[in-house]
Amino acid sequence: MATLTRTALQLNAALGIVCTVAAGAMMSLVLTRPERIAVAVAQHEYGAIVSAMAAELAGWLHALLRFL
C-alpha cells in the first residue's frame, strides 16, 4: 500500500509541475502576444495556441541550456 501511495504522490507532483509550466507559458503568451492569442481563441484555432506554447517552452529551454 505504501508503494501505491508513493507512486500516486509522485504522479501528482509531476502533473503539478507540468501544469505550472504550461500555465506560465500561457500567461507569458497572453502578456507578450495578446492579439495573436485572442484571434486564435475567437476562431477556435487551438492548434495555433499549442504550437505557440511549444515555441515558448522551446525558447525557455534554449535559454536555460545556453545559461548552463
N, C-alpha and C. Protein backbone atom coordinates (compact mmCIF):
# COMPACT_ATOMS: atom_id res chain seq x y z
N MET A 1 0.82 -1.20 0.00
CA MET A 1 0.00 0.00 0.00
C MET A 1 0.87 1.26 0.00
N ALA A 2 2.00 1.20 0.70
CA ALA A 2 2.87 2.38 0.76
C ALA A 2 3.45 2.70 -0.61
N THR A 3 3.75 1.68 -1.40
CA THR A 3 4.30 1.89 -2.74
C THR A 3 3.26 2.56 -3.64
N LEU A 4 2.02 2.14 -3.52
CA LEU A 4 0.96 2.75 -4.31
C LEU A 4 0.75 4.20 -3.92
N THR A 5 0.82 4.50 -2.65
CA THR A 5 0.67 5.87 -2.18
C THR A 5 1.83 6.73 -2.66
N ARG A 6 3.04 6.21 -2.58
CA ARG A 6 4.21 6.94 -3.03
C ARG A 6 4.13 7.22 -4.52
N THR A 7 3.70 6.24 -5.30
CA THR A 7 3.57 6.41 -6.75
C THR A 7 2.51 7.46 -7.07
N ALA A 8 1.41 7.43 -6.35
CA ALA A 8 0.35 8.41 -6.57
C ALA A 8 0.83 9.82 -6.25
N LEU A 9 1.60 9.98 -5.19
CA LEU A 9 2.12 11.29 -4.83
C LEU A 9 3.15 11.79 -5.84
N GLN A 10 3.98 10.90 -6.36
CA GLN A 10 4.95 11.28 -7.37
C GLN A 10 4.27 11.69 -8.67
N LEU A 11 3.23 10.96 -9.04
CA LEU A 11 2.46 11.31 -10.24
C LEU A 11 1.78 12.66 -10.06
N ASN A 12 1.24 12.90 -8.88
CA ASN A 12 0.59 14.17 -8.58
C ASN A 12 1.59 15.32 -8.64
N ALA A 13 2.79 15.11 -8.12
CA ALA A 13 3.81 16.15 -8.17
C ALA A 13 4.24 16.43 -9.60
N ALA A 14 4.44 15.39 -10.40
CA ALA A 14 4.84 15.59 -11.80
C ALA A 14 3.75 16.32 -12.58
N LEU A 15 2.51 15.95 -12.36
CA LEU A 15 1.40 16.63 -13.03
C LEU A 15 1.31 18.08 -12.60
N GLY A 16 1.56 18.35 -11.34
CA GLY A 16 1.55 19.72 -10.85
C GLY A 16 2.63 20.57 -11.50
N ILE A 17 3.81 20.01 -11.68
CA ILE A 17 4.91 20.74 -12.32
C ILE A 17 4.58 21.02 -13.78
N VAL A 18 4.04 20.02 -14.47
CA VAL A 18 3.68 20.20 -15.89
C VAL A 18 2.60 21.27 -16.03
N CYS A 19 1.60 21.24 -15.18
CA CYS A 19 0.53 22.24 -15.24
C CYS A 19 1.03 23.64 -14.92
N THR A 20 1.95 23.75 -13.98
CA THR A 20 2.51 25.04 -13.63
C THR A 20 3.32 25.62 -14.79
N VAL A 21 4.11 24.80 -15.44
CA VAL A 21 4.90 25.26 -16.59
C VAL A 21 3.98 25.66 -17.74
N ALA A 22 2.95 24.88 -18.00
CA ALA A 22 2.01 25.20 -19.07
C ALA A 22 1.27 26.51 -18.77
N ALA A 23 0.87 26.70 -17.53
CA ALA A 23 0.19 27.95 -17.16
C ALA A 23 1.13 29.14 -17.29
N GLY A 24 2.37 28.96 -16.93
CA GLY A 24 3.35 30.04 -17.09
C GLY A 24 3.57 30.40 -18.55
N ALA A 25 3.64 29.39 -19.40
CA ALA A 25 3.81 29.65 -20.83
C ALA A 25 2.59 30.36 -21.40
N MET A 26 1.41 29.96 -20.97
CA MET A 26 0.19 30.60 -21.47
C MET A 26 0.12 32.06 -21.01
N MET A 27 0.46 32.32 -19.76
CA MET A 27 0.43 33.69 -19.27
C MET A 27 1.49 34.55 -19.97
N SER A 28 2.64 33.96 -20.25
CA SER A 28 3.67 34.67 -20.98
C SER A 28 3.18 35.06 -22.38
N LEU A 29 2.49 34.13 -23.03
CA LEU A 29 1.94 34.43 -24.35
C LEU A 29 0.85 35.49 -24.29
N VAL A 30 0.01 35.41 -23.28
CA VAL A 30 -1.07 36.40 -23.14
C VAL A 30 -0.49 37.79 -22.91
N LEU A 31 0.60 37.87 -22.16
CA LEU A 31 1.19 39.17 -21.88
C LEU A 31 2.05 39.70 -23.03
N THR A 32 2.67 38.82 -23.80
CA THR A 32 3.56 39.30 -24.87
C THR A 32 2.88 39.38 -26.23
N ARG A 33 1.94 38.49 -26.50
CA ARG A 33 1.24 38.48 -27.79
C ARG A 33 -0.27 38.32 -27.60
N PRO A 34 -0.92 39.29 -26.97
CA PRO A 34 -2.35 39.12 -26.66
C PRO A 34 -3.24 39.07 -27.90
N GLU A 35 -2.89 39.80 -28.95
CA GLU A 35 -3.74 39.81 -30.14
C GLU A 35 -3.72 38.46 -30.84
N ARG A 36 -2.57 37.82 -30.87
CA ARG A 36 -2.46 36.50 -31.52
C ARG A 36 -3.29 35.46 -30.76
N ILE A 37 -3.24 35.49 -29.46
CA ILE A 37 -4.00 34.55 -28.64
C ILE A 37 -5.49 34.83 -28.76
N ALA A 38 -5.87 36.11 -28.73
CA ALA A 38 -7.29 36.46 -28.83
C ALA A 38 -7.88 36.02 -30.16
N VAL A 39 -7.15 36.22 -31.24
CA VAL A 39 -7.64 35.81 -32.57
C VAL A 39 -7.75 34.29 -32.64
N ALA A 40 -6.76 33.58 -32.10
CA ALA A 40 -6.79 32.11 -32.14
C ALA A 40 -7.97 31.56 -31.33
N VAL A 41 -8.24 32.15 -30.18
CA VAL A 41 -9.37 31.69 -29.36
C VAL A 41 -10.69 32.03 -30.04
N ALA A 42 -10.79 33.23 -30.61
CA ALA A 42 -12.03 33.64 -31.27
C ALA A 42 -12.35 32.76 -32.47
N GLN A 43 -11.32 32.29 -33.16
CA GLN A 43 -11.53 31.46 -34.33
C GLN A 43 -11.46 29.96 -34.02
N HIS A 44 -11.37 29.63 -32.74
CA HIS A 44 -11.31 28.23 -32.27
C HIS A 44 -10.14 27.47 -32.90
N GLU A 45 -9.01 28.14 -33.04
CA GLU A 45 -7.80 27.52 -33.57
C GLU A 45 -6.85 27.21 -32.40
N TYR A 46 -7.17 26.17 -31.69
CA TYR A 46 -6.39 25.84 -30.50
C TYR A 46 -5.04 25.22 -30.86
N GLY A 47 -4.91 24.71 -32.05
CA GLY A 47 -3.63 24.19 -32.50
C GLY A 47 -2.59 25.31 -32.58
N ALA A 48 -3.02 26.51 -32.96
CA ALA A 48 -2.11 27.64 -33.03
C ALA A 48 -1.62 28.02 -31.63
N ILE A 49 -2.50 27.91 -30.66
CA ILE A 49 -2.11 28.21 -29.28
C ILE A 49 -1.13 27.17 -28.77
N VAL A 50 -1.39 25.92 -29.07
CA VAL A 50 -0.50 24.85 -28.62
C VAL A 50 0.87 24.99 -29.27
N SER A 51 0.91 25.32 -30.54
CA SER A 51 2.21 25.48 -31.20
C SER A 51 2.94 26.71 -30.67
N ALA A 52 2.21 27.77 -30.35
CA ALA A 52 2.84 28.96 -29.76
C ALA A 52 3.39 28.64 -28.37
N MET A 53 2.65 27.85 -27.60
CA MET A 53 3.14 27.45 -26.28
C MET A 53 4.37 26.56 -26.40
N ALA A 54 4.37 25.68 -27.38
CA ALA A 54 5.54 24.81 -27.60
C ALA A 54 6.75 25.65 -28.00
N ALA A 55 6.55 26.64 -28.83
CA ALA A 55 7.65 27.52 -29.22
C ALA A 55 8.16 28.31 -28.03
N GLU A 56 7.25 28.75 -27.18
CA GLU A 56 7.63 29.48 -25.97
C GLU A 56 8.45 28.60 -25.03
N LEU A 57 8.00 27.38 -24.83
CA LEU A 57 8.72 26.45 -23.96
C LEU A 57 10.08 26.09 -24.56
N ALA A 58 10.15 25.95 -25.86
CA ALA A 58 11.43 25.66 -26.52
C ALA A 58 12.39 26.83 -26.34
N GLY A 59 11.87 28.03 -26.42
CA GLY A 59 12.70 29.22 -26.18
C GLY A 59 13.23 29.25 -24.75
N TRP A 60 12.37 28.90 -23.80
CA TRP A 60 12.81 28.85 -22.39
C TRP A 60 13.89 27.80 -22.21
N LEU A 61 13.69 26.63 -22.81
CA LEU A 61 14.67 25.56 -22.69
C LEU A 61 15.99 25.94 -23.35
N HIS A 62 15.92 26.60 -24.49
CA HIS A 62 17.12 27.05 -25.17
C HIS A 62 17.88 28.07 -24.31
N ALA A 63 17.16 29.00 -23.71
CA ALA A 63 17.79 29.99 -22.85
C ALA A 63 18.41 29.34 -21.62
N LEU A 64 17.73 28.36 -21.05
CA LEU A 64 18.26 27.65 -19.88
C LEU A 64 19.52 26.88 -20.23
N LEU A 65 19.50 26.18 -21.35
CA LEU A 65 20.68 25.41 -21.75
C LEU A 65 21.85 26.31 -22.13
N ARG A 66 21.57 27.45 -22.71
CA ARG A 66 22.64 28.40 -23.05
C ARG A 66 23.26 28.97 -21.77
N PHE A 67 22.43 29.16 -20.75
CA PHE A 67 22.90 29.68 -19.46
C PHE A 67 23.80 28.66 -18.78
N LEU A 68 23.46 27.38 -18.89
CA LEU A 68 24.25 26.35 -18.24
C LEU A 68 25.51 26.10 -19.02
